[in-house]
């Protein structure tokens, strides 16, 4: 049975949900002024959190692409050696680590 990994994708989903809730609370005129104010104060912080997590996801995806390009380069090279094979294996492990940090997409 596959275990769900709560990585950056889940963090982004949660941050979007929190931002949506706080944005709605900030606009809800039926709430007390204190609750409305607290929500208005939270919205910019949550926007920043969404942006930060989104940037981390983008950077991980870029690094994974670059690492996999290096792996392909090593594997297609005419100059093969045991050390290059070892480098490719370590790069694969690095790519796997970054993929685990991304985690599972909440819809997946």
PDB file of N, CA and C in Angstrom:
ATOM      1  N   UNK A   1       0.836  -1.176   0.000  1.00  0.00           N
ATOM      2  CA  UNK A   1       0.000   0.000   0.000  1.00  0.00           C
ATOM      3  C   UNK A   1       0.884   1.244   0.000  1.00  0.00           C
ATOM      4  N   UNK A   2       0.560   2.180  -0.870  1.00  0.00           N
ATOM      5  CA  UNK A   2       1.354   3.393  -1.014  1.00  0.00           C
ATOM      6  C   UNK A   2       1.032   4.367   0.121  1.00  0.00           C
ATOM      7  N   UNK A   3       2.082   4.911   0.730  1.00  0.00           N
ATOM      8  CA  UNK A   3       1.919   5.903   1.783  1.00  0.00           C
ATOM      9  C   UNK A   3       1.941   7.282   1.155  1.00  0.00           C
ATOM     10  N   UNK A   4       0.979   8.119   1.522  1.00  0.00           N
ATOM     11  CA  UNK A   4       0.932   9.472   0.995  1.00  0.00           C
ATOM     12  C   UNK A   4       2.033  10.302   1.644  1.00  0.00           C
ATOM     13  N   UNK A   5       2.770  11.040   0.834  1.00  0.00           N
ATOM     14  CA  UNK A   5       3.846  11.887   1.329  1.00  0.00           C
ATOM     15  C   UNK A   5       3.327  13.321   1.367  1.00  0.00           C
ATOM     16  N   UNK A   6       3.294  13.900   2.554  1.00  0.00           N
ATOM     17  CA  UNK A   6       2.808  15.266   2.720  1.00  0.00           C
ATOM     18  C   UNK A   6       3.969  16.238   2.547  1.00  0.00           C
ATOM     19  N   UNK A   7       4.284  16.523   1.319  1.00  0.00           N
ATOM     20  CA  UNK A   7       5.396  17.415   1.022  1.00  0.00           C
ATOM     21  C   UNK A   7       4.924  18.791   0.619  1.00  0.00           C
ATOM     22  N   UNK A   8       5.710  19.433  -0.216  1.00  0.00           N
ATOM     23  CA  UNK A   8       5.434  20.797  -0.627  1.00  0.00           C
ATOM     24  C   UNK A   8       4.099  20.937  -1.357  1.00  0.00           C
ATOM     25  N   UNK A   9       3.717  19.925  -2.133  1.00  0.00           N
ATOM     26  CA  UNK A   9       2.441  20.002  -2.844  1.00  0.00           C
ATOM     27  C   UNK A   9       1.278  20.111  -1.857  1.00  0.00           C
ATOM     28  N   UNK A  10       1.325  19.330  -0.792  1.00  0.00           N
ATOM     29  CA  UNK A  10       0.268  19.379   0.228  1.00  0.00           C
ATOM     30  C   UNK A  10       0.323  20.699   0.996  1.00  0.00           C
ATOM     31  N   UNK A  11       1.521  21.186   1.265  1.00  0.00           N
ATOM     32  CA  UNK A  11       1.657  22.466   1.953  1.00  0.00           C
ATOM     33  C   UNK A  11       1.042  23.587   1.120  1.00  0.00           C
ATOM     34  N   UNK A  12       1.265  23.535  -0.186  1.00  0.00           N
ATOM     35  CA  UNK A  12       0.701  24.554  -1.070  1.00  0.00           C
ATOM     36  C   UNK A  12      -0.818  24.466  -1.092  1.00  0.00           C
ATOM     37  N   UNK A  13      -1.346  23.272  -1.151  1.00  0.00           N
ATOM     38  CA  UNK A  13      -2.795  23.083  -1.147  1.00  0.00           C
ATOM     39  C   UNK A  13      -3.400  23.639   0.144  1.00  0.00           C
ATOM     40  N   UNK A  14      -2.769  23.346   1.278  1.00  0.00           N
ATOM     41  CA  UNK A  14      -3.258  23.837   2.568  1.00  0.00           C
ATOM     42  C   UNK A  14      -3.155  25.358   2.638  1.00  0.00           C
ATOM     43  N   UNK A  15      -2.065  25.919   2.160  1.00  0.00           N
ATOM     44  CA  UNK A  15      -1.884  27.372   2.196  1.00  0.00           C
ATOM     45  C   UNK A  15      -2.935  28.070   1.336  1.00  0.00           C
ATOM     46  N   UNK A  16      -3.247  27.493   0.163  1.00  0.00           N
ATOM     47  CA  UNK A  16      -4.300  28.060  -0.695  1.00  0.00           C
ATOM     48  C   UNK A  16      -5.649  28.013   0.025  1.00  0.00           C
ATOM     49  N   UNK A  17      -5.938  26.900   0.682  1.00  0.00           N
ATOM     50  CA  UNK A  17      -7.208  26.762   1.402  1.00  0.00           C
ATOM     51  C   UNK A  17      -7.287  27.764   2.554  1.00  0.00           C
ATOM     52  N   UNK A  18      -6.192  27.902   3.313  1.00  0.00           N
ATOM     53  CA  UNK A  18      -6.161  28.857   4.419  1.00  0.00           C
ATOM     54  C   UNK A  18      -6.342  30.285   3.907  1.00  0.00           C
ATOM     55  N   UNK A  19      -5.681  30.608   2.807  1.00  0.00           N
ATOM     56  CA  UNK A  19      -5.802  31.934   2.219  1.00  0.00           C
ATOM     57  C   UNK A  19      -7.246  32.208   1.792  1.00  0.00           C
ATOM     58  N   UNK A  20      -7.876  31.236   1.174  1.00  0.00           N
ATOM     59  CA  UNK A  20      -9.269  31.388   0.763  1.00  0.00           C
ATOM     60  C   UNK A  20     -10.193  31.629   1.949  1.00  0.00           C
ATOM     61  N   UNK A  21      -9.987  30.855   3.022  1.00  0.00           N
ATOM     62  CA  UNK A  21     -10.808  31.022   4.230  1.00  0.00           C
ATOM     63  C   UNK A  21     -10.612  32.398   4.858  1.00  0.00           C
ATOM     64  N   UNK A  22      -9.362  32.812   4.968  1.00  0.00           N
ATOM     65  CA  UNK A  22      -9.087  34.103   5.604  1.00  0.00           C
ATOM     66  C   UNK A  22      -9.561  35.267   4.733  1.00  0.00           C
ATOM     67  N   UNK A  23      -9.454  35.132   3.430  1.00  0.00           N
ATOM     68  CA  UNK A  23      -9.949  36.176   2.531  1.00  0.00           C
ATOM     69  C   UNK A  23     -11.456  36.319   2.689  1.00  0.00           C
ATOM     70  N   UNK A  24     -12.154  35.191   2.786  1.00  0.00           N
ATOM     71  CA  UNK A  24     -13.608  35.223   2.979  1.00  0.00           C
ATOM     72  C   UNK A  24     -13.956  35.826   4.339  1.00  0.00           C
ATOM     73  N   UNK A  25     -13.215  35.465   5.381  1.00  0.00           N
ATOM     74  CA  UNK A  25     -13.469  36.019   6.717  1.00  0.00           C
ATOM     75  C   UNK A  25     -13.210  37.523   6.742  1.00  0.00           C
ATOM     76  N   UNK A  26     -12.164  37.956   6.041  1.00  0.00           N
ATOM     77  CA  UNK A  26     -11.823  39.381   6.016  1.00  0.00           C
ATOM     78  C   UNK A  26     -12.941  40.205   5.391  1.00  0.00           C
ATOM     79  N   UNK A  27     -13.689  39.606   4.476  1.00  0.00           N
ATOM     80  CA  UNK A  27     -14.769  40.315   3.786  1.00  0.00           C
ATOM     81  C   UNK A  27     -16.136  40.094   4.441  1.00  0.00           C
ATOM     82  N   UNK A  28     -16.215  39.212   5.432  1.00  0.00           N
ATOM     83  CA  UNK A  28     -17.490  38.869   6.067  1.00  0.00           C
ATOM     84  C   UNK A  28     -17.889  39.945   7.075  1.00  0.00           C
ATOM     85  N   UNK A  29     -18.888  40.719   6.723  1.00  0.00           N
ATOM     86  CA  UNK A  29     -19.328  41.822   7.580  1.00  0.00           C
ATOM     87  C   UNK A  29     -20.128  41.353   8.789  1.00  0.00           C
ATOM     88  N   UNK A  30     -20.479  40.084   8.832  1.00  0.00           N
ATOM     89  CA  UNK A  30     -21.222  39.551   9.970  1.00  0.00           C
ATOM     90  C   UNK A  30     -20.311  39.160  11.131  1.00  0.00           C
ATOM     91  N   UNK A  31     -19.018  39.093  10.883  1.00  0.00           N
ATOM     92  CA  UNK A  31     -18.065  38.767  11.947  1.00  0.00           C
ATOM     93  C   UNK A  31     -17.820  39.990  12.817  1.00  0.00           C
ATOM     94  N   UNK A  32     -17.294  39.732  13.991  1.00  0.00           N
ATOM     95  CA  UNK A  32     -16.942  40.849  14.870  1.00  0.00           C
ATOM     96  C   UNK A  32     -15.789  41.632  14.238  1.00  0.00           C
ATOM     97  N   UNK A  33     -15.674  42.907  14.589  1.00  0.00           N
ATOM     98  CA  UNK A  33     -14.561  43.695  14.040  1.00  0.00           C
ATOM     99  C   UNK A  33     -13.194  43.076  14.340  1.00  0.00           C
ATOM    100  N   UNK A  34     -13.047  42.480  15.524  1.00  0.00           N
ATOM    101  CA  UNK A  34     -11.770  41.860  15.888  1.00  0.00           C
ATOM    102  C   UNK A  34     -11.465  40.665  14.984  1.00  0.00           C
ATOM    103  N   UNK A  35     -12.447  39.797  14.751  1.00  0.00           N
ATOM    104  CA  UNK A  35     -12.242  38.629  13.878  1.00  0.00           C
ATOM    105  C   UNK A  35     -11.938  39.068  12.454  1.00  0.00           C
ATOM    106  N   UNK A  36     -12.652  40.080  12.003  1.00  0.00           N
ATOM    107  CA  UNK A  36     -12.423  40.590  10.647  1.00  0.00           C
ATOM    108  C   UNK A  36     -11.007  41.170  10.540  1.00  0.00           C
ATOM    109  N   UNK A  37     -10.597  41.925  11.530  1.00  0.00           N
ATOM    110  CA  UNK A  37      -9.259  42.514  11.535  1.00  0.00           C
ATOM    111  C   UNK A  37      -8.183  41.434  11.562  1.00  0.00           C
ATOM    112  N   UNK A  38      -8.364  40.419  12.419  1.00  0.00           N
ATOM    113  CA  UNK A  38      -7.389  39.323  12.497  1.00  0.00           C
ATOM    114  C   UNK A  38      -7.236  38.637  11.134  1.00  0.00           C
ATOM    115  N   UNK A  39      -8.356  38.449  10.447  1.00  0.00           N
ATOM    116  CA  UNK A  39      -8.314  37.819   9.123  1.00  0.00           C
ATOM    117  C   UNK A  39      -7.601  38.726   8.121  1.00  0.00           C
ATOM    118  N   UNK A  40      -7.878  40.029   8.191  1.00  0.00           N
ATOM    119  CA  UNK A  40      -7.227  40.981   7.279  1.00  0.00           C
ATOM    120  C   UNK A  40      -5.724  41.016   7.495  1.00  0.00           C
ATOM    121  N   UNK A  41      -5.306  40.857   8.745  1.00  0.00           N
ATOM    122  CA  UNK A  41      -3.873  40.824   9.057  1.00  0.00           C
ATOM    123  C   UNK A  41      -3.246  39.529   8.556  1.00  0.00           C
ATOM    124  N   UNK A  42      -3.986  38.432   8.611  1.00  0.00           N
ATOM    125  CA  UNK A  42      -3.457  37.122   8.208  1.00  0.00           C
ATOM    126  C   UNK A  42      -3.311  36.984   6.695  1.00  0.00           C
ATOM    127  N   UNK A  43      -4.144  37.674   5.919  1.00  0.00           N
ATOM    128  CA  UNK A  43      -4.157  37.494   4.458  1.00  0.00           C
ATOM    129  C   UNK A  43      -2.791  37.770   3.817  1.00  0.00           C
ATOM    130  N   UNK A  44      -2.122  38.899   4.103  1.00  0.00           N
ATOM    131  CA  UNK A  44      -0.806  39.117   3.468  1.00  0.00           C
ATOM    132  C   UNK A  44       0.226  38.053   3.835  1.00  0.00           C
ATOM    133  N   UNK A  45       0.187  37.614   5.108  1.00  0.00           N
ATOM    134  CA  UNK A  45       1.127  36.565   5.536  1.00  0.00           C
ATOM    135  C   UNK A  45       0.865  35.277   4.761  1.00  0.00           C
ATOM    136  N   UNK A  46      -0.407  34.933   4.595  1.00  0.00           N
ATOM    137  CA  UNK A  46      -0.753  33.711   3.863  1.00  0.00           C
ATOM    138  C   UNK A  46      -0.411  33.826   2.383  1.00  0.00           C
ATOM    139  N   UNK A  47      -0.585  35.012   1.809  1.00  0.00           N
ATOM    140  CA  UNK A  47      -0.170  35.214   0.403  1.00  0.00           C
ATOM    141  C   UNK A  47       1.326  34.972   0.253  1.00  0.00           C
ATOM    142  N   UNK A  48       2.096  35.477   1.217  1.00  0.00           N
ATOM    143  CA  UNK A  48       3.540  35.255   1.200  1.00  0.00           C
ATOM    144  C   UNK A  48       3.889  33.787   1.338  1.00  0.00           C
ATOM    145  N   UNK A  49       3.150  33.089   2.186  1.00  0.00           N
ATOM    146  CA  UNK A  49       3.383  31.653   2.370  1.00  0.00           C
ATOM    147  C   UNK A  49       3.094  30.889   1.076  1.00  0.00           C
ATOM    148  N   UNK A  50       1.997  31.229   0.411  1.00  0.00           N
ATOM    149  CA  UNK A  50       1.661  30.591  -0.861  1.00  0.00           C
ATOM    150  C   UNK A  50       2.770  30.844  -1.884  1.00  0.00           C
ATOM    151  N   UNK A  51       3.241  32.082  -1.950  1.00  0.00           N
ATOM    152  CA  UNK A  51       4.308  32.427  -2.902  1.00  0.00           C
ATOM    153  C   UNK A  51       5.599  31.672  -2.578  1.00  0.00           C
ATOM    154  N   UNK A  52       5.957  31.602  -1.293  1.00  0.00           N
ATOM    155  CA  UNK A  52       7.196  30.921  -0.891  1.00  0.00           C
ATOM    156  C   UNK A  52       7.166  29.436  -1.230  1.00  0.00           C
ATOM    157  N   UNK A  53       6.059  28.783  -0.909  1.00  0.00           N
ATOM    158  CA  UNK A  53       5.946  27.341  -1.185  1.00  0.00           C
ATOM    159  C   UNK A  53       5.910  27.104  -2.695  1.00  0.00           C
ATOM    160  N   UNK A  54       5.207  27.969  -3.420  1.00  0.00           N
ATOM    161  CA  UNK A  54       5.174  27.843  -4.881  1.00  0.00           C
ATOM    162  C   UNK A  54       6.558  27.979  -5.491  1.00  0.00           C
ATOM    163  N   UNK A  55       7.337  28.912  -4.968  1.00  0.00           N
ATOM    164  CA  UNK A  55       8.711  29.093  -5.451  1.00  0.00           C
ATOM    165  C   UNK A  55       9.572  27.872  -5.131  1.00  0.00           C
ATOM    166  N   UNK A  56       9.415  27.321  -3.935  1.00  0.00           N
ATOM    167  CA  UNK A  56      10.181  26.119  -3.567  1.00  0.00           C
ATOM    168  C   UNK A  56       9.840  24.957  -4.492  1.00  0.00           C
ATOM    169  N   UNK A  57       8.560  24.809  -4.828  1.00  0.00           N
ATOM    170  CA  UNK A  57       8.143  23.747  -5.751  1.00  0.00           C
ATOM    171  C   UNK A  57       8.781  23.967  -7.113  1.00  0.00           C
ATOM    172  N   UNK A  58       8.721  25.197  -7.597  1.00  0.00           N
ATOM    173  CA  UNK A  58       9.297  25.514  -8.910  1.00  0.00           C
ATOM    174  C   UNK A  58      10.800  25.233  -8.927  1.00  0.00           C
ATOM    175  N   UNK A  59      11.501  25.643  -7.870  1.00  0.00           N
ATOM    176  CA  UNK A  59      12.944  25.410  -7.807  1.00  0.00           C
ATOM    177  C   UNK A  59      13.259  23.923  -7.770  1.00  0.00           C
ATOM    178  N   UNK A  60      12.495  23.148  -6.996  1.00  0.00           N
ATOM    179  CA  UNK A  60      12.723  21.695  -6.950  1.00  0.00           C
ATOM    180  C   UNK A  60      12.509  21.084  -8.327  1.00  0.00           C
ATOM    181  N   UNK A  61      11.439  21.484  -9.008  1.00  0.00           N
ATOM    182  CA  UNK A  61      11.163  20.935 -10.342  1.00  0.00           C
ATOM    183  C   UNK A  61      12.283  21.264 -11.311  1.00  0.00           C
ATOM    184  N   UNK A  62      12.807  22.494 -11.231  1.00  0.00           N
ATOM    185  CA  UNK A  62      13.928  22.877 -12.102  1.00  0.00           C
ATOM    186  C   UNK A  62      15.173  22.051 -11.788  1.00  0.00           C
ATOM    187  N   UNK A  63      15.472  21.882 -10.491  1.00  0.00           N
ATOM    188  CA  UNK A  63      16.646  21.100 -10.112  1.00  0.00           C
ATOM    189  C   UNK A  63      16.512  19.654 -10.576  1.00  0.00           C
ATOM    190  N   UNK A  64      15.318  19.104 -10.447  1.00  0.00           N
ATOM    191  CA  UNK A  64      15.093  17.719 -10.895  1.00  0.00           C
ATOM    192  C   UNK A  64      15.357  17.607 -12.389  1.00  0.00           C
ATOM    193  N   UNK A  65      14.862  18.558 -13.173  1.00  0.00           N
ATOM    194  CA  UNK A  65      15.099  18.540 -14.623  1.00  0.00           C
ATOM    195  C   UNK A  65      16.587  18.624 -14.930  1.00  0.00           C
ATOM    196  N   UNK A  66      17.297  19.511 -14.229  1.00  0.00           N
ATOM    197  CA  UNK A  66      18.736  19.665 -14.470  1.00  0.00           C
ATOM    198  C   UNK A  66      19.505  18.413 -14.070  1.00  0.00           C
ATOM    199  N   UNK A  67      19.149  17.828 -12.947  1.00  0.00           N
ATOM    200  CA  UNK A  67      19.808  16.598 -12.499  1.00  0.00           C
ATOM    201  C   UNK A  67      19.571  15.479 -13.508  1.00  0.00           C
ATOM    202  N   UNK A  68      18.345  15.355 -13.978  1.00  0.00           N
ATOM    203  CA  UNK A  68      18.034  14.295 -14.941  1.00  0.00           C
ATOM    204  C   UNK A  68      18.725  14.522 -16.276  1.00  0.00           C
ATOM    205  N   UNK A  69      18.950  15.774 -16.646  1.00  0.00           N
ATOM    206  CA  UNK A  69      19.727  16.062 -17.863  1.00  0.00           C
ATOM    207  C   UNK A  69      21.174  15.593 -17.676  1.00  0.00           C
ATOM    208  N   UNK A  70      21.721  15.813 -16.485  1.00  0.00           N
ATOM    209  CA  UNK A  70      23.083  15.332 -16.207  1.00  0.00           C
ATOM    210  C   UNK A  70      23.147  13.805 -16.258  1.00  0.00           C
ATOM    211  N   UNK A  71      22.145  13.161 -15.697  1.00  0.00           N
ATOM    212  CA  UNK A  71      22.102  11.696 -15.714  1.00  0.00           C
ATOM    213  C   UNK A  71      22.075  11.198 -17.160  1.00  0.00           C
ATOM    214  N   UNK A  72      21.209  11.796 -17.982  1.00  0.00           N
ATOM    215  CA  UNK A  72      21.140  11.392 -19.405  1.00  0.00           C
ATOM    216  C   UNK A  72      22.481  11.613 -20.097  1.00  0.00           C
ATOM    217  N   UNK A  73      23.148  12.722 -19.776  1.00  0.00           N
ATOM    218  CA  UNK A  73      24.447  13.013 -20.373  1.00  0.00           C
ATOM    219  C   UNK A  73      25.473  11.947 -19.982  1.00  0.00           C
ATOM    220  N   UNK A  74      25.484  11.576 -18.731  1.00  0.00           N
ATOM    221  CA  UNK A  74      26.427  10.538 -18.268  1.00  0.00           C
ATOM    222  C   UNK A  74      26.113   9.213 -18.947  1.00  0.00           C
ATOM    223  N   UNK A  75      24.825   8.864 -19.021  1.00  0.00           N
ATOM    224  CA  UNK A  75      24.444   7.565 -19.580  1.00  0.00           C
ATOM    225  C   UNK A  75      24.663   7.470 -21.083  1.00  0.00           C
ATOM    226  N   UNK A  76      24.644   8.587 -21.781  1.00  0.00           N
ATOM    227  CA  UNK A  76      24.835   8.553 -23.238  1.00  0.00           C
ATOM    228  C   UNK A  76      26.270   8.883 -23.649  1.00  0.00           C
ATOM    229  N   UNK A  77      27.114   9.146 -22.678  1.00  0.00           N
ATOM    230  CA  UNK A  77      28.498   9.495 -22.958  1.00  0.00           C
ATOM    231  C   UNK A  77      29.250   8.302 -23.548  1.00  0.00           C
ATOM    232  N   UNK A  78      30.175   8.609 -24.427  1.00  0.00           N
ATOM    233  CA  UNK A  78      31.038   7.573 -25.004  1.00  0.00           C
ATOM    234  C   UNK A  78      32.154   7.179 -24.042  1.00  0.00           C
ATOM    235  N   UNK A  79      32.334   7.943 -23.007  1.00  0.00           N
ATOM    236  CA  UNK A  79      33.409   7.702 -22.038  1.00  0.00           C
ATOM    237  C   UNK A  79      32.803   7.149 -20.755  1.00  0.00           C
ATOM    238  N   UNK A  80      32.534   5.886 -20.741  1.00  0.00           N
ATOM    239  CA  UNK A  80      31.922   5.242 -19.575  1.00  0.00           C
ATOM    240  C   UNK A  80      33.000   4.784 -18.604  1.00  0.00           C
ATOM    241  N   UNK A  81      32.637   4.844 -17.329  1.00  0.00           N
ATOM    242  CA  UNK A  81      33.540   4.341 -16.292  1.00  0.00           C
ATOM    243  C   UNK A  81      32.693   3.997 -15.068  1.00  0.00           C
ATOM    244  N   UNK A  82      33.278   3.251 -14.170  1.00  0.00           N
ATOM    245  CA  UNK A  82      32.584   2.877 -12.939  1.00  0.00           C
ATOM    246  C   UNK A  82      32.268   4.113 -12.104  1.00  0.00           C
ATOM    247  N   UNK A  83      33.171   5.071 -12.097  1.00  0.00           N
ATOM    248  CA  UNK A  83      32.947   6.294 -11.311  1.00  0.00           C
ATOM    249  C   UNK A  83      31.816   7.131 -11.906  1.00  0.00           C
ATOM    250  N   UNK A  84      31.727   7.184 -13.216  1.00  0.00           N
ATOM    251  CA  UNK A  84      30.614   7.918 -13.841  1.00  0.00           C
ATOM    252  C   UNK A  84      29.282   7.224 -13.555  1.00  0.00           C
ATOM    253  N   UNK A  85      29.289   5.914 -13.557  1.00  0.00           N
ATOM    254  CA  UNK A  85      28.067   5.168 -13.221  1.00  0.00           C
ATOM    255  C   UNK A  85      27.671   5.457 -11.781  1.00  0.00           C
ATOM    256  N   UNK A  86      28.655   5.497 -10.894  1.00  0.00           N
ATOM    257  CA  UNK A  86      28.396   5.829  -9.502  1.00  0.00           C
ATOM    258  C   UNK A  86      27.825   7.245  -9.375  1.00  0.00           C
ATOM    259  N   UNK A  87      28.374   8.177 -10.129  1.00  0.00           N
ATOM    260  CA  UNK A  87      27.854   9.557 -10.129  1.00  0.00           C
ATOM    261  C   UNK A  87      26.397   9.580 -10.586  1.00  0.00           C
ATOM    262  N   UNK A  88      26.093   8.825 -11.635  1.00  0.00           N
ATOM    263  CA  UNK A  88      24.714   8.781 -12.125  1.00  0.00           C
ATOM    264  C   UNK A  88      23.779   8.240 -11.047  1.00  0.00           C
ATOM    265  N   UNK A  89      24.202   7.205 -10.324  1.00  0.00           N
ATOM    266  CA  UNK A  89      23.372   6.632  -9.262  1.00  0.00           C
ATOM    267  C   UNK A  89      23.141   7.647  -8.137  1.00  0.00           C
ATOM    268  N   UNK A  90      24.182   8.392  -7.792  1.00  0.00           N
ATOM    269  CA  UNK A  90      24.039   9.399  -6.729  1.00  0.00           C
ATOM    270  C   UNK A  90      23.150  10.548  -7.195  1.00  0.00           C
ATOM    271  N   UNK A  91      23.237  10.912  -8.452  1.00  0.00           N
ATOM    272  CA  UNK A  91      22.348  11.938  -8.990  1.00  0.00           C
ATOM    273  C   UNK A  91      20.898  11.448  -8.992  1.00  0.00           C
ATOM    274  N   UNK A  92      20.696  10.172  -9.297  1.00  0.00           N
ATOM    275  CA  UNK A  92      19.339   9.612  -9.233  1.00  0.00           C
ATOM    276  C   UNK A  92      18.801   9.689  -7.808  1.00  0.00           C
ATOM    277  N   UNK A  93      19.666   9.411  -6.826  1.00  0.00           N
ATOM    278  CA  UNK A  93      19.248   9.502  -5.424  1.00  0.00           C
ATOM    279  C   UNK A  93      18.889  10.947  -5.069  1.00  0.00           C
ATOM    280  N   UNK A  94      19.664  11.913  -5.566  1.00  0.00           N
ATOM    281  CA  UNK A  94      19.370  13.328  -5.314  1.00  0.00           C
ATOM    282  C   UNK A  94      18.025  13.713  -5.932  1.00  0.00           C
ATOM    283  N   UNK A  95      17.769  13.246  -7.128  1.00  0.00           N
ATOM    284  CA  UNK A  95      16.486  13.518  -7.784  1.00  0.00           C
ATOM    285  C   UNK A  95      15.338  12.920  -6.985  1.00  0.00           C
ATOM    286  N   UNK A  96      15.517  11.711  -6.487  1.00  0.00           N
ATOM    287  CA  UNK A  96      14.487  11.059  -5.665  1.00  0.00           C
ATOM    288  C   UNK A  96      14.216  11.839  -4.380  1.00  0.00           C
ATOM    289  N   UNK A  97      15.264  12.360  -3.761  1.00  0.00           N
ATOM    290  CA  UNK A  97      15.099  13.145  -2.535  1.00  0.00           C
ATOM    291  C   UNK A  97      14.248  14.382  -2.817  1.00  0.00           C
ATOM    292  N   UNK A  98      14.534  15.062  -3.916  1.00  0.00           N
ATOM    293  CA  UNK A  98      13.764  16.260  -4.262  1.00  0.00           C
ATOM    294  C   UNK A  98      12.317  15.912  -4.601  1.00  0.00           C
ATOM    295  N   UNK A  99      12.113  14.779  -5.265  1.00  0.00           N
ATOM    296  CA  UNK A  99      10.745  14.348  -5.573  1.00  0.00           C
ATOM    297  C   UNK A  99       9.968  14.035  -4.297  1.00  0.00           C
ATOM    298  N   UNK A 100      10.636  13.411  -3.328  1.00  0.00           N
ATOM    299  CA  UNK A 100       9.969  13.128  -2.048  1.00  0.00           C
ATOM    300  C   UNK A 100       9.623  14.421  -1.329  1.00  0.00           C
ATOM    301  N   UNK A 101      10.513  15.423  -1.423  1.00  0.00           N
ATOM    302  CA  UNK A 101      10.222  16.710  -0.785  1.00  0.00           C
ATOM    303  C   UNK A 101       8.992  17.365  -1.433  1.00  0.00           C
ATOM    304  N   UNK A 102       8.839  17.193  -2.742  1.00  0.00           N
ATOM    305  CA  UNK A 102       7.635  17.707  -3.403  1.00  0.00           C
ATOM    306  C   UNK A 102       6.393  17.016  -2.859  1.00  0.00           C
ATOM    307  N   UNK A 103       6.522  15.733  -2.586  1.00  0.00           N
ATOM    308  CA  UNK A 103       5.401  14.967  -2.032  1.00  0.00           C
ATOM    309  C   UNK A 103       4.359  14.654  -3.076  1.00  0.00           C
ATOM    310  N   UNK A 104       3.268  14.116  -2.590  1.00  0.00           N
ATOM    311  CA  UNK A 104       2.159  13.749  -3.457  1.00  0.00           C
ATOM    312  C   UNK A 104       1.263  14.956  -3.663  1.00  0.00           C
ATOM    313  N   UNK A 105       0.750  15.078  -4.856  1.00  0.00           N
ATOM    314  CA  UNK A 105      -0.229  16.129  -5.106  1.00  0.00           C
ATOM    315  C   UNK A 105      -1.515  15.758  -4.383  1.00  0.00           C
ATOM    316  N   UNK A 106      -2.188  16.722  -3.748  1.00  0.00           N
ATOM    317  CA  UNK A 106      -3.376  16.384  -2.955  1.00  0.00           C
ATOM    318  C   UNK A 106      -4.469  15.669  -3.736  1.00  0.00           C
ATOM    319  N   UNK A 107      -4.571  15.937  -5.027  1.00  0.00           N
ATOM    320  CA  UNK A 107      -5.599  15.270  -5.840  1.00  0.00           C
ATOM    321  C   UNK A 107      -5.134  13.902  -6.296  1.00  0.00           C
ATOM    322  N   UNK A 108      -3.847  13.595  -6.141  1.00  0.00           N
ATOM    323  CA  UNK A 108      -3.304  12.346  -6.676  1.00  0.00           C
ATOM    324  C   UNK A 108      -3.243  11.299  -5.735  1.00  0.00           C
TER     325      UNK A 108
END
